[in-house]
Amino acid sequence: MRLDLTQPDFKAAIPILKKIEAAGYEAYFVGGSVRDAILGLPIHDVDIASSAYPAEQRIPASSMAQ
């Protein structure tokens, strides 16, 4: 099953996913946003899971807001 990644919340989070992957880690959309997208419900936020430990992820929060 594929998600509609053109939805605004997913689209806005894709650059963050790409930054995590570019650093050599796996990154996935998870949680309620995925469930809601599957059910055709509105998405209120997006959660991302990564294979990196928190200390390994050094993406500045300021770059995520862009």
Protein backbone atom coordinates (compact mmCIF):
# COMPACT_ATOMS: atom_id res chain seq x y z
CA MET A 1 0.00 0.00 0.00
CA ARG A 2 1.27 3.47 -0.86
CA LEU A 3 0.41 6.71 0.87
CA ASP A 4 -0.55 9.87 -0.95
CA LEU A 5 2.60 11.84 -0.24
CA THR A 6 1.17 14.89 -2.01
CA GLN A 7 -0.91 15.69 1.07
CA PRO A 8 0.47 18.95 2.52
CA ASP A 9 1.65 17.53 5.85
CA PHE A 10 3.55 14.66 4.23
CA LYS A 11 4.91 16.94 1.51
CA ALA A 12 6.25 19.37 4.12
CA ALA A 13 7.99 16.55 6.03
CA ILE A 14 9.66 14.89 3.03
CA PRO A 15 12.75 17.18 3.20
CA ILE A 16 13.29 16.06 6.80
CA LEU A 17 13.04 12.40 5.76
CA LYS A 18 15.55 13.05 2.97
CA LYS A 19 18.02 14.73 5.37
CA ILE A 20 17.87 11.75 7.72
CA GLU A 21 18.36 9.32 4.82
CA ALA A 22 21.21 11.42 3.40
CA ALA A 23 22.96 11.01 6.75
CA GLY A 24 22.86 7.24 6.21
CA TYR A 25 19.84 6.27 8.32
CA GLU A 26 16.44 4.83 7.51
CA ALA A 27 13.43 7.09 8.05
CA TYR A 28 9.71 6.36 7.79
CA PHE A 29 6.39 8.07 8.33
CA VAL A 30 4.66 6.37 11.26
CA GLY A 31 1.78 6.78 13.68
CA GLY A 32 -1.56 8.49 13.41
CA SER A 33 -0.81 10.35 10.19
CA VAL A 34 -0.29 7.06 8.37
CA ARG A 35 -3.45 5.60 9.88
CA ASP A 36 -5.47 8.69 9.05
CA ALA A 37 -4.15 8.80 5.47
CA ILE A 38 -5.14 5.16 4.97
CA LEU A 39 -8.61 5.85 6.38
CA GLY A 40 -8.99 9.02 4.33
CA LEU A 41 -9.18 11.22 7.44
CA PRO A 42 -7.56 14.64 7.92
CA ILE A 43 -3.94 14.59 9.05
CA HIS A 44 -3.06 16.80 12.02
CA ASP A 45 0.66 16.09 12.36
CA VAL A 46 3.35 13.80 10.97
CA ASP A 47 5.57 11.45 12.97
CA ILE A 48 8.89 10.15 11.66
CA ALA A 49 10.74 7.10 12.96
CA SER A 50 14.43 6.70 12.24
CA SER A 51 17.08 4.03 12.66
CA ALA A 52 19.38 6.65 14.24
CA TYR A 53 19.72 7.10 17.98
CA PRO A 54 18.73 10.60 19.14
CA ALA A 55 22.37 11.53 19.76
CA GLU A 56 23.22 10.52 16.18
CA GLN A 57 20.63 12.81 14.62
CA ARG A 58 22.20 16.20 14.42
CA ILE A 59 19.71 17.95 12.19
CA PRO A 60 19.25 21.46 13.60
CA ALA A 61 15.63 22.16 14.52
CA SER A 62 15.87 25.45 12.62
CA SER A 63 16.44 23.55 9.36
CA MET A 64 13.33 21.45 9.94
CA ALA A 65 11.01 24.45 9.98
CA GLN A 66 11.88 25.42 6.40
